Every structure is written in C-alpha cells, then in structure tokens.
Amino acid sequence: MFIDLQTIPKETIPFCGFKKKSFIPQEQQLRKQLECATALGNNYRTKVQIVFCDDEGLKMVYTTVWAALDKHIVLKGGIRIPIPRIVEIIF
C-alpha cells in the first residue's frame, strides 16, 4: 500500500495540478487495467480506486471510469485524469 496517499472526492480532481513531470506507468499493464475499469464502469456501474500523482503527491479517488482515451481517462461529469499520472487501478 502507499504511505502518503490522500483520498479525495472526484469533484476536486479539476483543481489538481498536472503541470510538472509526469509519472511513467507500465503502459501495457495499465492499458489492461483501464480497459477492465472502463468495461466495469459502462456495463455494471462499478467503481474502482484510482491512484494517481498530481503536482503535490499521491492521491486516490473511488469512482467510475466512463472512458479511457489516448491521453486521459474520463470520469463521471467529464472529469479527466491524464493517463501518464495514473499509478494504479485497484478493483
């Protein structure tokens, strides 16, 4: 588990900064997680835990993934997280 992990509501994600150097995920493994999270969100309305890194540090949000595009994921309400900032998706 992550030591300095702050859990936040998804509504605060638009206020997170993503200007500094990106976290580099293991792309192949993350893509599989994103596909699964998107299928769960669209087909079953199932929420997942998304661990990501903004300019201040690690954050976690418990929400539904609606789409996984090339550069970001889309959550309910059109909220976006850049894919290079995603550390892990926990089911």
PDB file of N, CA and C in Angstrom:
ATOM      1  N   MET A   1       0.831  -1.177   0.000  1.00  0.00           N
ATOM      2  CA  MET A   1       0.000   0.000   0.000  1.00  0.00           C
ATOM      3  C   MET A   1       0.878   1.244   0.000  1.00  0.00           C
ATOM      4  N   PHE A   2       0.317   2.347  -0.386  1.00  0.00           N
ATOM      5  CA  PHE A   2       1.039   3.602  -0.489  1.00  0.00           C
ATOM      6  C   PHE A   2       0.997   4.341   0.844  1.00  0.00           C
ATOM      7  N   ILE A   3       2.132   4.885   1.280  1.00  0.00           N
ATOM      8  CA  ILE A   3       2.232   5.527   2.587  1.00  0.00           C
ATOM      9  C   ILE A   3       1.582   6.907   2.599  1.00  0.00           C
ATOM     10  N   ASP A   4       1.971   7.783   1.692  1.00  0.00           N
ATOM     11  CA  ASP A   4       1.476   9.157   1.675  1.00  0.00           C
ATOM     12  C   ASP A   4       0.354   9.322   0.656  1.00  0.00           C
ATOM     13  N   LEU A   5      -0.704   8.602   0.839  1.00  0.00           N
ATOM     14  CA  LEU A   5      -1.813   8.595  -0.113  1.00  0.00           C
ATOM     15  C   LEU A   5      -2.988   9.361   0.458  1.00  0.00           C
ATOM     16  N   GLN A   6      -3.429  10.381  -0.257  1.00  0.00           N
ATOM     17  CA  GLN A   6      -4.565  11.190   0.173  1.00  0.00           C
ATOM     18  C   GLN A   6      -5.791  10.794  -0.639  1.00  0.00           C
ATOM     19  N   THR A   7      -6.871  10.394   0.038  1.00  0.00           N
ATOM     20  CA  THR A   7      -8.118  10.069  -0.646  1.00  0.00           C
ATOM     21  C   THR A   7      -8.909  11.353  -0.842  1.00  0.00           C
ATOM     22  N   ILE A   8      -9.358  11.582  -2.075  1.00  0.00           N
ATOM     23  CA  ILE A   8     -10.094  12.803  -2.397  1.00  0.00           C
ATOM     24  C   ILE A   8     -11.394  12.472  -3.116  1.00  0.00           C
ATOM     25  N   PRO A   9     -12.394  13.351  -3.051  1.00  0.00           N
ATOM     26  CA  PRO A   9     -13.595  13.159  -3.861  1.00  0.00           C
ATOM     27  C   PRO A   9     -13.297  13.540  -5.316  1.00  0.00           C
ATOM     28  N   LYS A  10     -13.958  12.904  -6.255  1.00  0.00           N
ATOM     29  CA  LYS A  10     -13.674  13.150  -7.667  1.00  0.00           C
ATOM     30  C   LYS A  10     -13.917  14.597  -8.071  1.00  0.00           C
ATOM     31  N   GLU A  11     -14.796  15.280  -7.370  1.00  0.00           N
ATOM     32  CA  GLU A  11     -15.117  16.672  -7.703  1.00  0.00           C
ATOM     33  C   GLU A  11     -13.931  17.618  -7.503  1.00  0.00           C
ATOM     34  N   THR A  12     -12.925  17.191  -6.743  1.00  0.00           N
ATOM     35  CA  THR A  12     -11.756  18.043  -6.527  1.00  0.00           C
ATOM     36  C   THR A  12     -10.648  17.808  -7.553  1.00  0.00           C
ATOM     37  N   ILE A  13     -10.779  16.801  -8.392  1.00  0.00           N
ATOM     38  CA  ILE A  13      -9.747  16.496  -9.389  1.00  0.00           C
ATOM     39  C   ILE A  13      -9.485  17.670 -10.338  1.00  0.00           C
ATOM     40  N   PRO A  14     -10.512  18.415 -10.791  1.00  0.00           N
ATOM     41  CA  PRO A  14     -10.211  19.552 -11.676  1.00  0.00           C
ATOM     42  C   PRO A  14      -9.285  20.597 -11.039  1.00  0.00           C
ATOM     43  N   PHE A  15      -9.160  20.593  -9.731  1.00  0.00           N
ATOM     44  CA  PHE A  15      -8.290  21.536  -9.042  1.00  0.00           C
ATOM     45  C   PHE A  15      -6.882  20.988  -8.809  1.00  0.00           C
ATOM     46  N   CYS A  16      -6.644  19.748  -9.202  1.00  0.00           N
ATOM     47  CA  CYS A  16      -5.323  19.146  -9.076  1.00  0.00           C
ATOM     48  C   CYS A  16      -4.433  19.668 -10.203  1.00  0.00           C
ATOM     49  N   GLY A  17      -3.166  19.904  -9.885  1.00  0.00           N
ATOM     50  CA  GLY A  17      -2.222  20.361 -10.904  1.00  0.00           C
ATOM     51  C   GLY A  17      -1.532  19.190 -11.582  1.00  0.00           C
ATOM     52  N   PHE A  18      -1.409  19.276 -12.896  1.00  0.00           N
ATOM     53  CA  PHE A  18      -0.740  18.232 -13.667  1.00  0.00           C
ATOM     54  C   PHE A  18       0.304  18.850 -14.597  1.00  0.00           C
ATOM     55  N   LYS A  19       1.018  19.862 -14.109  1.00  0.00           N
ATOM     56  CA  LYS A  19       1.968  20.576 -14.954  1.00  0.00           C
ATOM     57  C   LYS A  19       3.402  20.055 -14.837  1.00  0.00           C
ATOM     58  N   LYS A  20       3.771  19.504 -13.703  1.00  0.00           N
ATOM     59  CA  LYS A  20       5.132  19.005 -13.509  1.00  0.00           C
ATOM     60  C   LYS A  20       5.343  17.697 -14.261  1.00  0.00           C
ATOM     61  N   LYS A  21       6.559  17.186 -14.181  1.00  0.00           N
ATOM     62  CA  LYS A  21       6.918  15.945 -14.868  1.00  0.00           C
ATOM     63  C   LYS A  21       5.943  14.816 -14.531  1.00  0.00           C
ATOM     64  N   SER A  22       5.564  14.080 -15.540  1.00  0.00           N
ATOM     65  CA  SER A  22       4.589  13.002 -15.392  1.00  0.00           C
ATOM     66  C   SER A  22       5.207  11.757 -14.784  1.00  0.00           C
ATOM     67  N   PHE A  23       4.377  11.019 -14.082  1.00  0.00           N
ATOM     68  CA  PHE A  23       4.724   9.677 -13.641  1.00  0.00           C
ATOM     69  C   PHE A  23       4.683   8.788 -14.874  1.00  0.00           C
ATOM     70  N   ILE A  24       5.601   7.882 -15.025  1.00  0.00           N
ATOM     71  CA  ILE A  24       5.626   6.992 -16.192  1.00  0.00           C
ATOM     72  C   ILE A  24       5.146   5.601 -15.766  1.00  0.00           C
ATOM     73  N   PRO A  25       3.910   5.252 -16.114  1.00  0.00           N
ATOM     74  CA  PRO A  25       3.390   3.941 -15.710  1.00  0.00           C
ATOM     75  C   PRO A  25       3.912   2.829 -16.621  1.00  0.00           C
ATOM     76  N   GLN A  26       3.712   1.602 -16.180  1.00  0.00           N
ATOM     77  CA  GLN A  26       3.989   0.471 -17.056  1.00  0.00           C
ATOM     78  C   GLN A  26       2.805   0.387 -18.014  1.00  0.00           C
ATOM     79  N   GLU A  27       3.009   0.906 -19.201  1.00  0.00           N
ATOM     80  CA  GLU A  27       1.928   1.157 -20.157  1.00  0.00           C
ATOM     81  C   GLU A  27       1.059  -0.063 -20.462  1.00  0.00           C
ATOM     82  N   GLN A  28       1.668  -1.195 -20.738  1.00  0.00           N
ATOM     83  CA  GLN A  28       0.889  -2.369 -21.133  1.00  0.00           C
ATOM     84  C   GLN A  28      -0.023  -2.840 -20.001  1.00  0.00           C
ATOM     85  N   GLN A  29       0.496  -2.925 -18.806  1.00  0.00           N
ATOM     86  CA  GLN A  29      -0.308  -3.356 -17.667  1.00  0.00           C
ATOM     87  C   GLN A  29      -1.411  -2.342 -17.361  1.00  0.00           C
ATOM     88  N   LEU A  30      -1.074  -1.055 -17.434  1.00  0.00           N
ATOM     89  CA  LEU A  30      -2.053  -0.014 -17.154  1.00  0.00           C
ATOM     90  C   LEU A  30      -3.175  -0.019 -18.189  1.00  0.00           C
ATOM     91  N   ARG A  31      -2.847  -0.211 -19.447  1.00  0.00           N
ATOM     92  CA  ARG A  31      -3.878  -0.249 -20.502  1.00  0.00           C
ATOM     93  C   ARG A  31      -4.888  -1.363 -20.238  1.00  0.00           C
ATOM     94  N   LYS A  32      -4.412  -2.509 -19.803  1.00  0.00           N
ATOM     95  CA  LYS A  32      -5.327  -3.618 -19.476  1.00  0.00           C
ATOM     96  C   LYS A  32      -6.228  -3.238 -18.306  1.00  0.00           C
ATOM     97  N   GLN A  33      -5.652  -2.587 -17.291  1.00  0.00           N
ATOM     98  CA  GLN A  33      -6.441  -2.139 -16.147  1.00  0.00           C
ATOM     99  C   GLN A  33      -7.483  -1.111 -16.585  1.00  0.00           C
ATOM    100  N   LEU A  34      -7.098  -0.193 -17.462  1.00  0.00           N
ATOM    101  CA  LEU A  34      -8.025   0.834 -17.939  1.00  0.00           C
ATOM    102  C   LEU A  34      -9.172   0.226 -18.739  1.00  0.00           C
ATOM    103  N   GLU A  35      -8.872  -0.746 -19.576  1.00  0.00           N
ATOM    104  CA  GLU A  35      -9.914  -1.421 -20.353  1.00  0.00           C
ATOM    105  C   GLU A  35     -10.914  -2.113 -19.426  1.00  0.00           C
ATOM    106  N   CYS A  36     -10.395  -2.801 -18.417  1.00  0.00           N
ATOM    107  CA  CYS A  36     -11.248  -3.500 -17.459  1.00  0.00           C
ATOM    108  C   CYS A  36     -12.082  -2.505 -16.649  1.00  0.00           C
ATOM    109  N   ALA A  37     -11.463  -1.431 -16.173  1.00  0.00           N
ATOM    110  CA  ALA A  37     -12.175  -0.418 -15.382  1.00  0.00           C
ATOM    111  C   ALA A  37     -13.271   0.250 -16.202  1.00  0.00           C
ATOM    112  N   THR A  38     -12.993   0.511 -17.482  1.00  0.00           N
ATOM    113  CA  THR A  38     -13.991   1.119 -18.361  1.00  0.00           C
ATOM    114  C   THR A  38     -15.164   0.172 -18.598  1.00  0.00           C
ATOM    115  N   ALA A  39     -14.869  -1.095 -18.833  1.00  0.00           N
ATOM    116  CA  ALA A  39     -15.937  -2.085 -19.024  1.00  0.00           C
ATOM    117  C   ALA A  39     -16.796  -2.212 -17.771  1.00  0.00           C
ATOM    118  N   LEU A  40     -16.154  -2.251 -16.609  1.00  0.00           N
ATOM    119  CA  LEU A  40     -16.908  -2.335 -15.354  1.00  0.00           C
ATOM    120  C   LEU A  40     -17.781  -1.093 -15.160  1.00  0.00           C
ATOM    121  N   GLY A  41     -17.247   0.067 -15.485  1.00  0.00           N
ATOM    122  CA  GLY A  41     -17.994   1.309 -15.326  1.00  0.00           C
ATOM    123  C   GLY A  41     -19.180   1.413 -16.261  1.00  0.00           C
ATOM    124  N   ASN A  42     -18.974   1.060 -17.515  1.00  0.00           N
ATOM    125  CA  ASN A  42     -20.043   1.186 -18.504  1.00  0.00           C
ATOM    126  C   ASN A  42     -21.085   0.074 -18.422  1.00  0.00           C
ATOM    127  N   ASN A  43     -20.647  -1.136 -18.148  1.00  0.00           N
ATOM    128  CA  ASN A  43     -21.568  -2.269 -18.142  1.00  0.00           C
ATOM    129  C   ASN A  43     -22.242  -2.515 -16.798  1.00  0.00           C
ATOM    130  N   TYR A  44     -21.533  -2.233 -15.718  1.00  0.00           N
ATOM    131  CA  TYR A  44     -22.048  -2.587 -14.392  1.00  0.00           C
ATOM    132  C   TYR A  44     -22.098  -1.424 -13.411  1.00  0.00           C
ATOM    133  N   ARG A  45     -21.672  -0.228 -13.861  1.00  0.00           N
ATOM    134  CA  ARG A  45     -21.634   0.961 -12.990  1.00  0.00           C
ATOM    135  C   ARG A  45     -20.786   0.711 -11.738  1.00  0.00           C
ATOM    136  N   THR A  46     -19.747  -0.087 -11.907  1.00  0.00           N
ATOM    137  CA  THR A  46     -18.869  -0.447 -10.800  1.00  0.00           C
ATOM    138  C   THR A  46     -17.762   0.583 -10.632  1.00  0.00           C
ATOM    139  N   LYS A  47     -17.527   0.990  -9.398  1.00  0.00           N
ATOM    140  CA  LYS A  47     -16.466   1.942  -9.095  1.00  0.00           C
ATOM    141  C   LYS A  47     -15.155   1.205  -8.843  1.00  0.00           C
ATOM    142  N   VAL A  48     -14.054   1.907  -9.114  1.00  0.00           N
ATOM    143  CA  VAL A  48     -12.713   1.393  -8.845  1.00  0.00           C
ATOM    144  C   VAL A  48     -11.931   2.467  -8.091  1.00  0.00           C
ATOM    145  N   GLN A  49     -10.832   2.062  -7.491  1.00  0.00           N
ATOM    146  CA  GLN A  49      -9.939   3.014  -6.844  1.00  0.00           C
ATOM    147  C   GLN A  49      -8.838   3.366  -7.841  1.00  0.00           C
ATOM    148  N   ILE A  50      -8.632   4.651  -8.073  1.00  0.00           N
ATOM    149  CA  ILE A  50      -7.605   5.115  -8.988  1.00  0.00           C
ATOM    150  C   ILE A  50      -6.553   5.852  -8.171  1.00  0.00           C
ATOM    151  N   VAL A  51      -5.341   5.340  -8.202  1.00  0.00           N
ATOM    152  CA  VAL A  51      -4.224   6.002  -7.529  1.00  0.00           C
ATOM    153  C   VAL A  51      -3.491   6.791  -8.612  1.00  0.00           C
ATOM    154  N   PHE A  52      -3.334   8.092  -8.375  1.00  0.00           N
ATOM    155  CA  PHE A  52      -2.653   8.942  -9.345  1.00  0.00           C
ATOM    156  C   PHE A  52      -1.773   9.943  -8.622  1.00  0.00           C
ATOM    157  N   CYS A  53      -0.897  10.568  -9.383  1.00  0.00           N
ATOM    158  CA  CYS A  53       0.043  11.523  -8.816  1.00  0.00           C
ATOM    159  C   CYS A  53      -0.170  12.874  -9.479  1.00  0.00           C
ATOM    160  N   ASP A  54      -0.578  13.872  -8.678  1.00  0.00           N
ATOM    161  CA  ASP A  54      -0.646  15.227  -9.208  1.00  0.00           C
ATOM    162  C   ASP A  54       0.634  15.950  -8.810  1.00  0.00           C
ATOM    163  N   ASP A  55       0.695  17.267  -8.996  1.00  0.00           N
ATOM    164  CA  ASP A  55       1.921  18.010  -8.696  1.00  0.00           C
ATOM    165  C   ASP A  55       2.257  18.033  -7.206  1.00  0.00           C
ATOM    166  N   GLU A  56       1.295  17.710  -6.348  1.00  0.00           N
ATOM    167  CA  GLU A  56       1.522  17.742  -4.903  1.00  0.00           C
ATOM    168  C   GLU A  56       1.845  16.373  -4.317  1.00  0.00           C
ATOM    169  N   GLY A  57       1.505  15.296  -5.005  1.00  0.00           N
ATOM    170  CA  GLY A  57       1.781  13.959  -4.491  1.00  0.00           C
ATOM    171  C   GLY A  57       0.716  12.956  -4.870  1.00  0.00           C
ATOM    172  N   LEU A  58       0.739  11.813  -4.184  1.00  0.00           N
ATOM    173  CA  LEU A  58      -0.190  10.727  -4.484  1.00  0.00           C
ATOM    174  C   LEU A  58      -1.596  11.028  -3.968  1.00  0.00           C
ATOM    175  N   LYS A  59      -2.563  10.691  -4.798  1.00  0.00           N
ATOM    176  CA  LYS A  59      -3.963  10.851  -4.434  1.00  0.00           C
ATOM    177  C   LYS A  59      -4.698   9.582  -4.857  1.00  0.00           C
ATOM    178  N   MET A  60      -5.835   9.336  -4.223  1.00  0.00           N
ATOM    179  CA  MET A  60      -6.669   8.209  -4.587  1.00  0.00           C
ATOM    180  C   MET A  60      -8.109   8.674  -4.651  1.00  0.00           C
ATOM    181  N   VAL A  61      -8.822   8.199  -5.662  1.00  0.00           N
ATOM    182  CA  VAL A  61     -10.231   8.521  -5.818  1.00  0.00           C
ATOM    183  C   VAL A  61     -10.983   7.221  -6.085  1.00  0.00           C
ATOM    184  N   TYR A  62     -12.175   7.119  -5.522  1.00  0.00           N
ATOM    185  CA  TYR A  62     -13.041   5.951  -5.709  1.00  0.00           C
ATOM    186  C   TYR A  62     -14.190   6.395  -6.592  1.00  0.00           C
ATOM    187  N   THR A  63     -14.191   5.934  -7.839  1.00  0.00           N
ATOM    188  CA  THR A  63     -15.157   6.438  -8.805  1.00  0.00           C
ATOM    189  C   THR A  63     -15.335   5.468  -9.972  1.00  0.00           C
ATOM    190  N   THR A  64     -16.195   5.832 -10.891  1.00  0.00           N
ATOM    191  CA  THR A  64     -16.478   5.047 -12.093  1.00  0.00           C
ATOM    192  C   THR A  64     -15.713   5.626 -13.272  1.00  0.00           C
ATOM    193  N   VAL A  65     -15.060   4.769 -14.041  1.00  0.00           N
ATOM    194  CA  VAL A  65     -14.368   5.191 -15.255  1.00  0.00           C
ATOM    195  C   VAL A  65     -15.333   5.038 -16.421  1.00  0.00           C
ATOM    196  N   TRP A  66     -15.588   6.128 -17.134  1.00  0.00           N
ATOM    197  CA  TRP A  66     -16.517   6.080 -18.273  1.00  0.00           C
ATOM    198  C   TRP A  66     -15.801   5.861 -19.591  1.00  0.00           C
ATOM    199  N   ALA A  67     -14.557   6.375 -19.727  1.00  0.00           N
ATOM    200  CA  ALA A  67     -13.825   6.205 -20.982  1.00  0.00           C
ATOM    201  C   ALA A  67     -12.328   6.278 -20.721  1.00  0.00           C
ATOM    202  N   ALA A  68     -11.584   5.524 -21.520  1.00  0.00           N
ATOM    203  CA  ALA A  68     -10.125   5.588 -21.497  1.00  0.00           C
ATOM    204  C   ALA A  68      -9.675   5.971 -22.902  1.00  0.00           C
ATOM    205  N   LEU A  69      -9.252   7.215 -23.054  1.00  0.00           N
ATOM    206  CA  LEU A  69      -8.825   7.730 -24.346  1.00  0.00           C
ATOM    207  C   LEU A  69      -7.301   7.623 -24.458  1.00  0.00           C
ATOM    208  N   ASP A  70      -6.722   8.211 -25.478  1.00  0.00           N
ATOM    209  CA  ASP A  70      -5.276   8.106 -25.683  1.00  0.00           C
ATOM    210  C   ASP A  70      -4.464   8.761 -24.572  1.00  0.00           C
ATOM    211  N   LYS A  71      -4.887   9.938 -24.116  1.00  0.00           N
ATOM    212  CA  LYS A  71      -4.064  10.701 -23.181  1.00  0.00           C
ATOM    213  C   LYS A  71      -4.658  10.852 -21.791  1.00  0.00           C
ATOM    214  N   HIS A  72      -5.925  10.528 -21.619  1.00  0.00           N
ATOM    215  CA  HIS A  72      -6.550  10.679 -20.315  1.00  0.00           C
ATOM    216  C   HIS A  72      -7.737   9.734 -20.164  1.00  0.00           C
ATOM    217  N   ILE A  73      -8.186   9.582 -18.909  1.00  0.00           N
ATOM    218  CA  ILE A  73      -9.417   8.845 -18.656  1.00  0.00           C
ATOM    219  C   ILE A  73     -10.495   9.866 -18.325  1.00  0.00           C
ATOM    220  N   VAL A  74     -11.735   9.489 -18.581  1.00  0.00           N
ATOM    221  CA  VAL A  74     -12.869  10.355 -18.313  1.00  0.00           C
ATOM    222  C   VAL A  74     -13.732   9.700 -17.241  1.00  0.00           C
ATOM    223  N   LEU A  75     -14.015  10.468 -16.201  1.00  0.00           N
ATOM    224  CA  LEU A  75     -14.872  10.023 -15.110  1.00  0.00           C
ATOM    225  C   LEU A  75     -16.234  10.659 -15.256  1.00  0.00           C
ATOM    226  N   LYS A  76     -17.154  10.289 -14.408  1.00  0.00           N
ATOM    227  CA  LYS A  76     -18.487  10.873 -14.411  1.00  0.00           C
ATOM    228  C   LYS A  76     -18.368  12.393 -14.300  1.00  0.00           C
ATOM    229  N   GLY A  77     -19.181  13.100 -15.065  1.00  0.00           N
ATOM    230  CA  GLY A  77     -19.162  14.556 -15.039  1.00  0.00           C
ATOM    231  C   GLY A  77     -18.105  15.163 -15.947  1.00  0.00           C
ATOM    232  N   GLY A  78     -17.460  14.337 -16.778  1.00  0.00           N
ATOM    233  CA  GLY A  78     -16.443  14.835 -17.693  1.00  0.00           C
ATOM    234  C   GLY A  78     -15.111  15.141 -17.042  1.00  0.00           C
ATOM    235  N   ILE A  79     -14.915  14.697 -15.823  1.00  0.00           N
ATOM    236  CA  ILE A  79     -13.664  14.925 -15.103  1.00  0.00           C
ATOM    237  C   ILE A  79     -12.585  14.035 -15.707  1.00  0.00           C
ATOM    238  N   ARG A  80     -11.391  14.603 -15.906  1.00  0.00           N
ATOM    239  CA  ARG A  80     -10.317  13.880 -16.586  1.00  0.00           C
ATOM    240  C   ARG A  80      -9.076  13.756 -15.709  1.00  0.00           C
ATOM    241  N   ILE A  81      -8.391  12.623 -15.872  1.00  0.00           N
ATOM    242  CA  ILE A  81      -7.085  12.401 -15.252  1.00  0.00           C
ATOM    243  C   ILE A  81      -6.135  11.985 -16.371  1.00  0.00           C
ATOM    244  N   PRO A  82      -4.990  12.654 -16.497  1.00  0.00           N
ATOM    245  CA  PRO A  82      -4.019  12.246 -17.524  1.00  0.00           C
ATOM    246  C   PRO A  82      -3.494  10.832 -17.246  1.00  0.00           C
ATOM    247  N   ILE A  83      -3.473  10.002 -18.264  1.00  0.00           N
ATOM    248  CA  ILE A  83      -3.017   8.619 -18.107  1.00  0.00           C
ATOM    249  C   ILE A  83      -1.570   8.541 -17.604  1.00  0.00           C
ATOM    250  N   PRO A  84      -0.659   9.418 -18.059  1.00  0.00           N
ATOM    251  CA  PRO A  84       0.712   9.323 -17.531  1.00  0.00           C
ATOM    252  C   PRO A  84       0.818   9.598 -16.029  1.00  0.00           C
ATOM    253  N   ARG A  85      -0.250  10.093 -15.399  1.00  0.00           N
ATOM    254  CA  ARG A  85      -0.241  10.359 -13.967  1.00  0.00           C
ATOM    255  C   ARG A  85      -0.861   9.242 -13.154  1.00  0.00           C
ATOM    256  N   ILE A  86      -1.428   8.227 -13.818  1.00  0.00           N
ATOM    257  CA  ILE A  86      -2.071   7.125 -13.107  1.00  0.00           C
ATOM    258  C   ILE A  86      -1.007   6.113 -12.672  1.00  0.00           C
ATOM    259  N   VAL A  87      -1.017   5.799 -11.396  1.00  0.00           N
ATOM    260  CA  VAL A  87      -0.062   4.858 -10.827  1.00  0.00           C
ATOM    261  C   VAL A  87      -0.629   3.449 -10.849  1.00  0.00           C
ATOM    262  N   GLU A  88      -1.904   3.325 -10.453  1.00  0.00           N
ATOM    263  CA  GLU A  88      -2.521   2.001 -10.360  1.00  0.00           C
ATOM    264  C   GLU A  88      -4.036   2.137 -10.308  1.00  0.00           C
ATOM    265  N   ILE A  89      -4.702   1.108 -10.785  1.00  0.00           N
ATOM    266  CA  ILE A  89      -6.154   0.997 -10.638  1.00  0.00           C
ATOM    267  C   ILE A  89      -6.408  -0.244  -9.802  1.00  0.00           C
ATOM    268  N   ILE A  90      -7.169  -0.063  -8.724  1.00  0.00           N
ATOM    269  CA  ILE A  90      -7.441  -1.159  -7.809  1.00  0.00           C
ATOM    270  C   ILE A  90      -8.903  -1.545  -7.939  1.00  0.00           C
ATOM    271  N   PHE A  91      -9.143  -2.819  -8.204  1.00  0.00           N
ATOM    272  CA  PHE A  91     -10.504  -3.315  -8.408  1.00  0.00           C
ATOM    273  C   PHE A  91     -11.086  -3.875  -7.128  1.00  0.00           C
TER     274      PHE A  91
END
